[in-house]
C-alpha atoms as a PDB file:
ATOM      1  CA  MET A   1     -33.314  -9.801  -5.977  1.00  0.00           C
ATOM      2  CA  SER A   2     -31.739  -7.713  -8.879  1.00  0.00           C
ATOM      3  CA  GLU A   3     -29.324 -10.053 -10.671  1.00  0.00           C
ATOM      4  CA  ARG A   4     -26.958  -9.419 -13.868  1.00  0.00           C
ATOM      5  CA  VAL A   5     -24.545 -11.555 -15.767  1.00  0.00           C
ATOM      6  CA  ASP A   6     -20.804 -10.455 -15.603  1.00  0.00           C
ATOM      7  CA  GLN A   7     -18.538 -11.949 -17.960  1.00  0.00           C
ATOM      8  CA  LEU A   8     -14.644 -11.911 -17.409  1.00  0.00           C
ATOM      9  CA  PHE A   9     -13.598 -11.121 -21.035  1.00  0.00           C
ATOM     10  CA  ASN A  10      -9.946 -13.479 -20.076  1.00  0.00           C
ATOM     11  CA  GLY A  11     -11.661 -16.902 -20.926  1.00  0.00           C
ATOM     12  CA  GLY A  12     -15.564 -15.684 -21.359  1.00  0.00           C
ATOM     13  CA  VAL A  13     -16.549 -17.231 -17.954  1.00  0.00           C
ATOM     14  CA  LYS A  14     -20.149 -15.953 -17.035  1.00  0.00           C
ATOM     15  CA  ILE A  15     -21.103 -14.883 -13.460  1.00  0.00           C
ATOM     16  CA  ILE A  16     -24.414 -14.303 -11.680  1.00  0.00           C
ATOM     17  CA  GLN A  17     -24.392 -11.234  -9.721  1.00  0.00           C
ATOM     18  CA  SER A  18     -26.558  -9.379  -7.427  1.00  0.00           C
ATOM     19  CA  ASP A  19     -25.469  -6.072  -5.570  1.00  0.00           C
ATOM     20  CA  THR A  20     -27.912  -6.802  -3.423  1.00  0.00           C
ATOM     21  CA  VAL A  21     -25.958  -9.867  -2.143  1.00  0.00           C
ATOM     22  CA  PHE A  22     -22.671  -9.418  -2.812  1.00  0.00           C
ATOM     23  CA  SER A  23     -20.689  -9.708  -6.025  1.00  0.00           C
ATOM     24  CA  PHE A  24     -17.156 -10.929  -6.847  1.00  0.00           C
ATOM     25  CA  SER A  25     -14.339  -7.850  -7.071  1.00  0.00           C
ATOM     26  CA  LEU A  26     -10.808  -7.670  -8.215  1.00  0.00           C
ATOM     27  CA  ASP A  27      -9.530  -9.610  -5.166  1.00  0.00           C
ATOM     28  CA  ALA A  28     -11.247 -12.945  -6.423  1.00  0.00           C
ATOM     29  CA  VAL A  29      -9.757 -11.879  -9.871  1.00  0.00           C
ATOM     30  CA  LEU A  30      -6.161 -11.729  -8.522  1.00  0.00           C
ATOM     31  CA  LEU A  31      -6.283 -15.263  -6.593  1.00  0.00           C
ATOM     32  CA  ALA A  32      -7.485 -17.080  -9.462  1.00  0.00           C
ATOM     33  CA  ASP A  33      -4.639 -15.690 -11.526  1.00  0.00           C
ATOM     34  CA  PHE A  34      -2.239 -16.111  -8.454  1.00  0.00           C
ATOM     35  CA  ALA A  35      -3.532 -19.700  -8.101  1.00  0.00           C
ATOM     36  CA  HIS A  36      -1.340 -22.679  -9.994  1.00  0.00           C
ATOM     37  CA  VAL A  37      -3.712 -24.824 -11.104  1.00  0.00           C
ATOM     38  CA  THR A  38      -2.880 -27.887 -13.548  1.00  0.00           C
ATOM     39  CA  LYS A  39      -5.096 -30.370 -15.513  1.00  0.00           C
ATOM     40  CA  LYS A  40      -5.042 -32.799 -12.672  1.00  0.00           C
ATOM     41  CA  THR A  41      -5.408 -30.903  -9.879  1.00  0.00           C
ATOM     42  CA  ARG A  42      -8.536 -31.881  -7.475  1.00  0.00           C
ATOM     43  CA  LEU A  43      -9.557 -28.136  -6.362  1.00  0.00           C
ATOM     44  CA  VAL A  44     -11.610 -26.647  -3.330  1.00  0.00           C
ATOM     45  CA  ASP A  45     -12.688 -23.263  -2.677  1.00  0.00           C
ATOM     46  CA  LEU A  46     -13.846 -22.113   0.295  1.00  0.00           C
ATOM     47  CA  CYS A  47     -15.725 -18.886   1.134  1.00  0.00           C
ATOM     48  CA  ALA A  48     -17.046 -19.131  -2.788  1.00  0.00           C
ATOM     49  CA  GLY A  49     -19.381 -16.278  -2.418  1.00  0.00           C
ATOM     50  CA  ASN A  50     -21.175 -16.215  -6.393  1.00  0.00           C
ATOM     51  CA  GLY A  51     -18.728 -18.757  -7.836  1.00  0.00           C
ATOM     52  CA  ALA A  52     -16.265 -17.007  -9.300  1.00  0.00           C
ATOM     53  CA  VAL A  53     -12.694 -18.180  -8.156  1.00  0.00           C
ATOM     54  CA  GLY A  54     -13.722 -21.568  -8.364  1.00  0.00           C
ATOM     55  CA  LEU A  55     -15.226 -20.750 -12.115  1.00  0.00           C
ATOM     56  CA  PHE A  56     -12.828 -18.989 -13.496  1.00  0.00           C
ATOM     57  CA  LEU A  57     -10.125 -21.804 -12.216  1.00  0.00           C
ATOM     58  CA  SER A  58     -12.173 -24.792 -13.872  1.00  0.00           C
ATOM     59  CA  ARG A  59     -10.270 -23.352 -17.229  1.00  0.00           C
ATOM     60  CA  TYR A  60      -7.066 -25.100 -16.272  1.00  0.00           C
ATOM     61  CA  THR A  61      -7.714 -28.135 -14.663  1.00  0.00           C
ATOM     62  CA  GLN A  62      -9.656 -31.417 -15.568  1.00  0.00           C
ATOM     63  CA  GLN A  63     -10.869 -32.546 -12.083  1.00  0.00           C
ATOM     64  CA  GLN A  64     -14.114 -32.242  -9.910  1.00  0.00           C
ATOM     65  CA  ILE A  65     -14.156 -28.714  -7.996  1.00  0.00           C
ATOM     66  CA  ASP A  66     -16.362 -27.970  -4.905  1.00  0.00           C
ATOM     67  CA  LEU A  67     -17.220 -24.883  -4.414  1.00  0.00           C
ATOM     68  CA  VAL A  68     -18.379 -24.373  -0.664  1.00  0.00           C
ATOM     69  CA  GLU A  69     -20.647 -20.931   0.478  1.00  0.00           C
ATOM     70  CA  ILE A  70     -22.550 -20.663   3.767  1.00  0.00           C
ATOM     71  CA  GLN A  71     -24.861 -17.858   2.478  1.00  0.00           C
ATOM     72  CA  ALA A  72     -27.859 -20.124   0.620  1.00  0.00           C
ATOM     73  CA  LYS A  73     -28.340 -17.402  -1.513  1.00  0.00           C
ATOM     74  CA  LEU A  74     -24.877 -17.440  -3.067  1.00  0.00           C
ATOM     75  CA  ALA A  75     -24.743 -20.578  -3.202  1.00  0.00           C
ATOM     76  CA  ASP A  76     -27.876 -20.123  -5.412  1.00  0.00           C
ATOM     77  CA  MET A  77     -26.352 -18.210  -7.525  1.00  0.00           C
ATOM     78  CA  ALA A  78     -22.981 -19.794  -7.866  1.00  0.00           C
ATOM     79  CA  GLN A  79     -24.788 -23.633  -8.754  1.00  0.00           C
ATOM     80  CA  ARG A  80     -26.901 -21.409 -12.076  1.00  0.00           C
ATOM     81  CA  SER A  81     -23.965 -19.499 -12.744  1.00  0.00           C
ATOM     82  CA  VAL A  82     -22.469 -23.276 -13.038  1.00  0.00           C
ATOM     83  CA  ALA A  83     -25.165 -24.489 -15.010  1.00  0.00           C
ATOM     84  CA  LEU A  84     -24.713 -21.161 -17.133  1.00  0.00           C
ATOM     85  CA  ASN A  85     -21.312 -22.088 -17.943  1.00  0.00           C
ATOM     86  CA  GLN A  86     -22.043 -25.836 -18.624  1.00  0.00           C
ATOM     87  CA  LEU A  87     -20.257 -27.371 -15.856  1.00  0.00           C
ATOM     88  CA  THR A  88     -22.715 -29.266 -14.030  1.00  0.00           C
ATOM     89  CA  ASP A  89     -20.696 -32.517 -14.377  1.00  0.00           C
ATOM     90  CA  GLN A  90     -17.150 -30.553 -13.184  1.00  0.00           C
ATOM     91  CA  VAL A  91     -18.203 -27.532 -10.201  1.00  0.00           C
ATOM     92  CA  ILE A  92     -20.407 -29.073  -7.315  1.00  0.00           C
ATOM     93  CA  VAL A  93     -21.766 -26.308  -5.406  1.00  0.00           C
ATOM     94  CA  HIS A  94     -21.920 -27.028  -1.061  1.00  0.00           C
ATOM     95  CA  ASN A  95     -24.014 -24.909   0.736  1.00  0.00           C
ATOM     96  CA  LEU A  96     -22.230 -25.468   4.201  1.00  0.00           C
ATOM     97  CA  ASP A  97     -20.722 -23.926   6.784  1.00  0.00           C
ATOM     98  CA  LEU A  98     -17.192 -24.483   6.013  1.00  0.00           C
ATOM     99  CA  LYS A  99     -16.161 -26.304   9.196  1.00  0.00           C
ATOM    100  CA  GLU A 100     -18.433 -29.131   7.689  1.00  0.00           C
ATOM    101  CA  ALA A 101     -16.404 -29.397   4.561  1.00  0.00           C
ATOM    102  CA  PRO A 102     -14.123 -32.146   5.676  1.00  0.00           C
ATOM    103  CA  GLN A 103     -16.749 -34.591   7.099  1.00  0.00           C
ATOM    104  CA  LYS A 104     -19.306 -34.075   4.119  1.00  0.00           C
ATOM    105  CA  ILE A 105     -16.913 -33.764   0.915  1.00  0.00           C
ATOM    106  CA  GLY A 106     -13.684 -35.465   2.197  1.00  0.00           C
ATOM    107  CA  ALA A 107      -9.900 -35.145   3.966  1.00  0.00           C
ATOM    108  CA  ASP A 108      -6.676 -34.966   2.837  1.00  0.00           C
ATOM    109  CA  PHE A 109      -7.578 -35.549  -0.739  1.00  0.00           C
ATOM    110  CA  ALA A 110      -7.459 -31.945  -2.240  1.00  0.00           C
ATOM    111  CA  ASP A 111      -4.070 -30.967  -4.211  1.00  0.00           C
ATOM    112  CA  VAL A 112      -5.222 -27.133  -4.276  1.00  0.00           C
ATOM    113  CA  VAL A 113      -7.529 -24.735  -1.698  1.00  0.00           C
ATOM    114  CA  THR A 114      -8.671 -21.264  -2.984  1.00  0.00           C
ATOM    115  CA  CYS A 115      -9.606 -18.886  -0.529  1.00  0.00           C
ATOM    116  CA  ASN A 116     -10.950 -15.427  -0.331  1.00  0.00           C
ATOM    117  CA  PRO A 117     -12.071 -14.923   3.207  1.00  0.00           C
ATOM    118  CA  PRO A 118     -13.659 -12.319   5.478  1.00  0.00           C
ATOM    119  CA  TYR A 119     -10.878  -9.977   5.750  1.00  0.00           C
ATOM    120  CA  PHE A 120     -12.098  -8.068   8.993  1.00  0.00           C
ATOM    121  CA  ALA A 121     -11.910  -9.831  12.469  1.00  0.00           C
ATOM    122  CA  ASP A 122     -15.658  -9.291  14.254  1.00  0.00           C
ATOM    123  CA  ARG A 123     -14.933  -7.078  17.186  1.00  0.00           C
ATOM    124  CA  PRO A 124     -17.334  -5.483  19.307  1.00  0.00           C
ATOM    125  CA  ASP A 125     -16.165  -1.920  17.792  1.00  0.00           C
ATOM    126  CA  SER A 126     -16.428  -3.344  14.560  1.00  0.00           C
ATOM    127  CA  VAL A 127     -18.583  -0.899  11.371  1.00  0.00           C
ATOM    128  CA  LYS A 128     -20.219  -3.755  10.370  1.00  0.00           C
ATOM    129  CA  ASN A 129     -22.342  -3.132   6.589  1.00  0.00           C
ATOM    130  CA  PRO A 130     -26.395  -3.110   7.202  1.00  0.00           C
ATOM    131  CA  ASN A 131     -26.645  -5.662   4.748  1.00  0.00           C
ATOM    132  CA  PRO A 132     -25.854  -9.313   5.878  1.00  0.00           C
ATOM    133  CA  HIS A 133     -24.549 -10.540   3.270  1.00  0.00           C
ATOM    134  CA  TYR A 134     -22.483  -8.310   2.460  1.00  0.00           C
ATOM    135  CA  ALA A 135     -21.068  -8.003   6.501  1.00  0.00           C
ATOM    136  CA  ILE A 136     -20.789 -12.096   6.255  1.00  0.00           C
ATOM    137  CA  ALA A 137     -18.567 -11.882   3.114  1.00  0.00           C
ATOM    138  CA  ARG A 138     -16.510  -8.884   5.095  1.00  0.00           C
ATOM    139  CA  HIS A 139     -16.468  -9.826   8.622  1.00  0.00           C
ATOM    140  CA  GLU A 140     -15.624 -12.733  10.338  1.00  0.00           C
ATOM    141  CA  LEU A 141     -19.781 -13.589  11.320  1.00  0.00           C
ATOM    142  CA  LYS A 142     -19.519 -17.143  10.465  1.00  0.00           C
ATOM    143  CA  THR A 143     -16.108 -18.002  10.438  1.00  0.00           C
ATOM    144  CA  THR A 144     -12.769 -17.376  11.165  1.00  0.00           C
ATOM    145  CA  LEU A 145      -9.156 -17.035  10.158  1.00  0.00           C
ATOM    146  CA  ASN A 146      -7.719 -20.228  12.151  1.00  0.00           C
ATOM    147  CA  GLN A 147     -11.078 -21.978  11.284  1.00  0.00           C
ATOM    148  CA  VAL A 148      -9.980 -21.080   6.984  1.00  0.00           C
ATOM    149  CA  LEU A 149      -6.792 -22.356   7.996  1.00  0.00           C
ATOM    150  CA  ASN A 150      -7.675 -25.390  10.428  1.00  0.00           C
ATOM    151  CA  THR A 151     -10.573 -26.247   7.375  1.00  0.00           C
ATOM    152  CA  SER A 152      -7.884 -25.790   4.530  1.00  0.00           C
ATOM    153  CA  SER A 153      -5.493 -28.106   6.175  1.00  0.00           C
ATOM    154  CA  ARG A 154      -8.184 -30.962   6.452  1.00  0.00           C
ATOM    155  CA  LEU A 155      -8.828 -30.808   3.010  1.00  0.00           C
ATOM    156  CA  LEU A 156      -5.411 -30.385   1.660  1.00  0.00           C
ATOM    157  CA  LYS A 157      -3.393 -33.513   0.867  1.00  0.00           C
ATOM    158  CA  THR A 158       0.553 -33.322   2.222  1.00  0.00           C
ATOM    159  CA  ASN A 159       2.288 -31.243   0.074  1.00  0.00           C
ATOM    160  CA  GLY A 160      -1.246 -28.969  -1.096  1.00  0.00           C
ATOM    161  CA  HIS A 161      -1.165 -25.638  -1.541  1.00  0.00           C
ATOM    162  CA  LEU A 162      -3.633 -23.235  -0.107  1.00  0.00           C
ATOM    163  CA  TYR A 163      -3.804 -20.106  -2.183  1.00  0.00           C
ATOM    164  CA  MET A 164      -5.204 -16.827  -0.246  1.00  0.00           C
ATOM    165  CA  VAL A 165      -6.080 -13.228  -0.622  1.00  0.00           C
ATOM    166  CA  HIS A 166      -6.150 -11.420   2.481  1.00  0.00           C
ATOM    167  CA  ARG A 167      -5.392  -7.711   4.259  1.00  0.00           C
ATOM    168  CA  PRO A 168      -1.641  -6.761   5.283  1.00  0.00           C
ATOM    169  CA  GLU A 169      -2.536  -5.237   8.345  1.00  0.00           C
ATOM    170  CA  ARG A 170      -2.907  -9.285   9.321  1.00  0.00           C
ATOM    171  CA  LEU A 171      -0.095 -10.399   7.882  1.00  0.00           C
ATOM    172  CA  ASP A 172       1.442 -11.274  11.304  1.00  0.00           C
ATOM    173  CA  GLU A 173      -1.704 -12.980  12.927  1.00  0.00           C
ATOM    174  CA  ILE A 174      -2.052 -14.578   9.517  1.00  0.00           C
ATOM    175  CA  ILE A 175       1.911 -16.165   9.859  1.00  0.00           C
ATOM    176  CA  VAL A 176       1.560 -17.426  13.017  1.00  0.00           C
ATOM    177  CA  ALA A 177      -1.755 -18.991  12.529  1.00  0.00           C
ATOM    178  CA  LEU A 178      -0.447 -20.741   9.089  1.00  0.00           C
ATOM    179  CA  GLN A 179       2.130 -22.360  11.357  1.00  0.00           C
ATOM    180  CA  GLN A 180      -0.249 -23.208  13.932  1.00  0.00           C
ATOM    181  CA  ASN A 181      -2.374 -25.320  11.057  1.00  0.00           C
ATOM    182  CA  ARG A 182       0.687 -27.237   9.768  1.00  0.00           C
ATOM    183  CA  PHE A 183       1.283 -24.869   6.839  1.00  0.00           C
ATOM    184  CA  ALA A 184       4.808 -23.381   5.667  1.00  0.00           C
ATOM    185  CA  LEU A 185       4.331 -20.300   3.850  1.00  0.00           C
ATOM    186  CA  LYS A 186       5.936 -20.101   0.164  1.00  0.00           C
ATOM    187  CA  GLN A 187       5.274 -17.065  -1.157  1.00  0.00           C
ATOM    188  CA  LEU A 188       3.850 -13.720  -0.670  1.00  0.00           C
ATOM    189  CA  ARG A 189       2.690 -10.788  -3.089  1.00  0.00           C
ATOM    190  CA  PHE A 190       1.677  -7.534  -2.269  1.00  0.00           C
ATOM    191  CA  VAL A 191      -1.179  -5.769  -4.215  1.00  0.00           C
ATOM    192  CA  TYR A 192      -1.074  -1.582  -4.216  1.00  0.00           C
ATOM    193  CA  PRO A 193      -4.250   0.206  -5.532  1.00  0.00           C
ATOM    194  CA  LYS A 194      -1.967   2.696  -6.865  1.00  0.00           C
ATOM    195  CA  ALA A 195       2.508   3.459  -6.804  1.00  0.00           C
ATOM    196  CA  ASP A 196       2.534   5.604  -4.519  1.00  0.00           C
ATOM    197  CA  ARG A 197      -0.006   4.200  -1.708  1.00  0.00           C
ATOM    198  CA  GLU A 198       0.331   1.496   0.763  1.00  0.00           C
ATOM    199  CA  ALA A 199      -0.667  -2.241   0.278  1.00  0.00           C
ATOM    200  CA  ASN A 200      -4.113  -3.166  -0.065  1.00  0.00           C
ATOM    201  CA  MET A 201      -4.301  -6.729  -0.398  1.00  0.00           C
ATOM    202  CA  VAL A 202      -1.610  -9.746   0.154  1.00  0.00           C
ATOM    203  CA  LEU A 203      -1.989 -13.279  -2.246  1.00  0.00           C
ATOM    204  CA  ILE A 204      -0.654 -15.680   0.077  1.00  0.00           C
ATOM    205  CA  ASP A 205       0.684 -19.051  -0.901  1.00  0.00           C
ATOM    206  CA  ALA A 206       1.423 -21.750   1.715  1.00  0.00           C
ATOM    207  CA  ILE A 207       2.134 -25.547   1.408  1.00  0.00           C
ATOM    208  CA  LYS A 208       0.829 -27.911   4.093  1.00  0.00           C
ATOM    209  CA  ASP A 209       3.727 -29.479   6.248  1.00  0.00           C
ATOM    210  CA  GLY A 210       5.908 -27.974   3.538  1.00  0.00           C
ATOM    211  CA  ARG A 211      10.022 -27.381   4.643  1.00  0.00           C
ATOM    212  CA  PRO A 212      10.621 -24.142   6.501  1.00  0.00           C
ATOM    213  CA  ASN A 213      12.600 -20.975   5.443  1.00  0.00           C
ATOM    214  CA  GLY A 214      11.825 -20.937   1.735  1.00  0.00           C
ATOM    215  CA  VAL A 215       9.560 -17.583   1.816  1.00  0.00           C
ATOM    216  CA  ARG A 216       9.839 -15.779  -1.258  1.00  0.00           C
ATOM    217  CA  ILE A 217       8.326 -11.886  -1.980  1.00  0.00           C
ATOM    218  CA  LEU A 218       7.482 -11.784  -5.668  1.00  0.00           C
ATOM    219  CA  PRO A 219       7.037  -8.957  -7.649  1.00  0.00           C
ATOM    220  CA  PRO A 220       4.690  -6.054  -6.271  1.00  0.00           C
ATOM    221  CA  LEU A 221       1.266  -5.476  -7.962  1.00  0.00           C
ATOM    222  CA  THR A 222       0.204  -2.305  -8.917  1.00  0.00           C
ATOM    223  CA  VAL A 223      -3.728  -2.258  -9.999  1.00  0.00           C
ATOM    224  CA  TYR A 224      -3.892   1.399 -11.722  1.00  0.00           C
ATOM    225  CA  THR A 225      -2.438   4.267 -13.518  1.00  0.00           C
ATOM    226  CA  ALA A 226      -2.172   7.566 -11.839  1.00  0.00           C
ATOM    227  CA  ASP A 227      -5.333   8.084 -13.970  1.00  0.00           C
ATOM    228  CA  ASN A 228      -7.208   5.678 -12.706  1.00  0.00           C
ATOM    229  CA  GLN A 229      -6.740   2.868 -15.574  1.00  0.00           C
ATOM    230  CA  TYR A 230      -5.749  -0.564 -15.171  1.00  0.00           C
ATOM    231  CA  ARG A 231      -1.802  -1.165 -15.514  1.00  0.00           C
ATOM    232  CA  PRO A 232      -0.923  -3.505 -18.172  1.00  0.00           C
ATOM    233  CA  GLU A 233      -0.411  -6.562 -16.171  1.00  0.00           C
ATOM    234  CA  VAL A 234      -3.937  -5.947 -14.895  1.00  0.00           C
ATOM    235  CA  GLN A 235      -5.310  -5.261 -17.727  1.00  0.00           C
ATOM    236  CA  LYS A 236      -3.671  -8.812 -19.237  1.00  0.00           C
ATOM    237  CA  ILE A 237      -5.190 -10.708 -16.291  1.00  0.00           C
ATOM    238  CA  LEU A 238      -8.548  -9.154 -16.984  1.00  0.00           C
ATOM    239  CA  TYR A 239      -8.386  -9.238 -21.016  1.00  0.00           C
ATOM    240  CA  GLY A 240      -5.815 -10.787 -21.930  1.00  0.00           C
ATOM    241  CA  THR A 241      -4.250 -14.313 -23.477  1.00  0.00           C
ATOM    242  CA  GLU A 242      -5.323 -17.590 -21.304  1.00  0.00           C
ATOM    243  CA  ARG A 243      -2.291 -18.557 -19.161  1.00  0.00           C
ATOM    244  CA  SER A 244      -1.148 -22.165 -20.619  1.00  0.00           C
END
């Protein structure tokens, strides 16, 4: 398996990657930036892949971080990335189906759950990548939106936050499923590839057992300029100074 080590310039986190398995992309970086984490935050990252989101967020909390990933190869890469960043005392990798996470690592204990889940429902007419690692990461072959939200709700304390990145075209389904799993939607931020394009990602902040009717729509985030350069806010996320 061809591997490389990529480094997030903002913070210096090193991630073991492989294009033959699945590499983290901008959505993981934006999710980590969107999540509010403090020194006392107990964090679980679901659909952790090679560990990118949890490793990025390890800079901001002194508490244990649990990474949950069903694919053995990705979980192994995450574990080796944890060791590479000298975080084995803080970050624990669990190679298991996320629906088993509450029984295996605990329930009603997390302050924050983050998740970059498969974006696409598994339908008979869905065109799936022939690479099974990519197919599992992109399509709901091993989990579903409802299972992700149900597990997140079980892991979180009351008033704990779920931070998730997803596709805008499923937002109606996401809102209903959040309510069914005891979440109150609190913040949405739409991500646009360019100023003249439709949004292709949405960042979601929801609170377990939170009060309804307090949804905030944050300013949009546009990734690229017309000439395909990162816009200033994205440049700062990728290369700029660390947040407080």
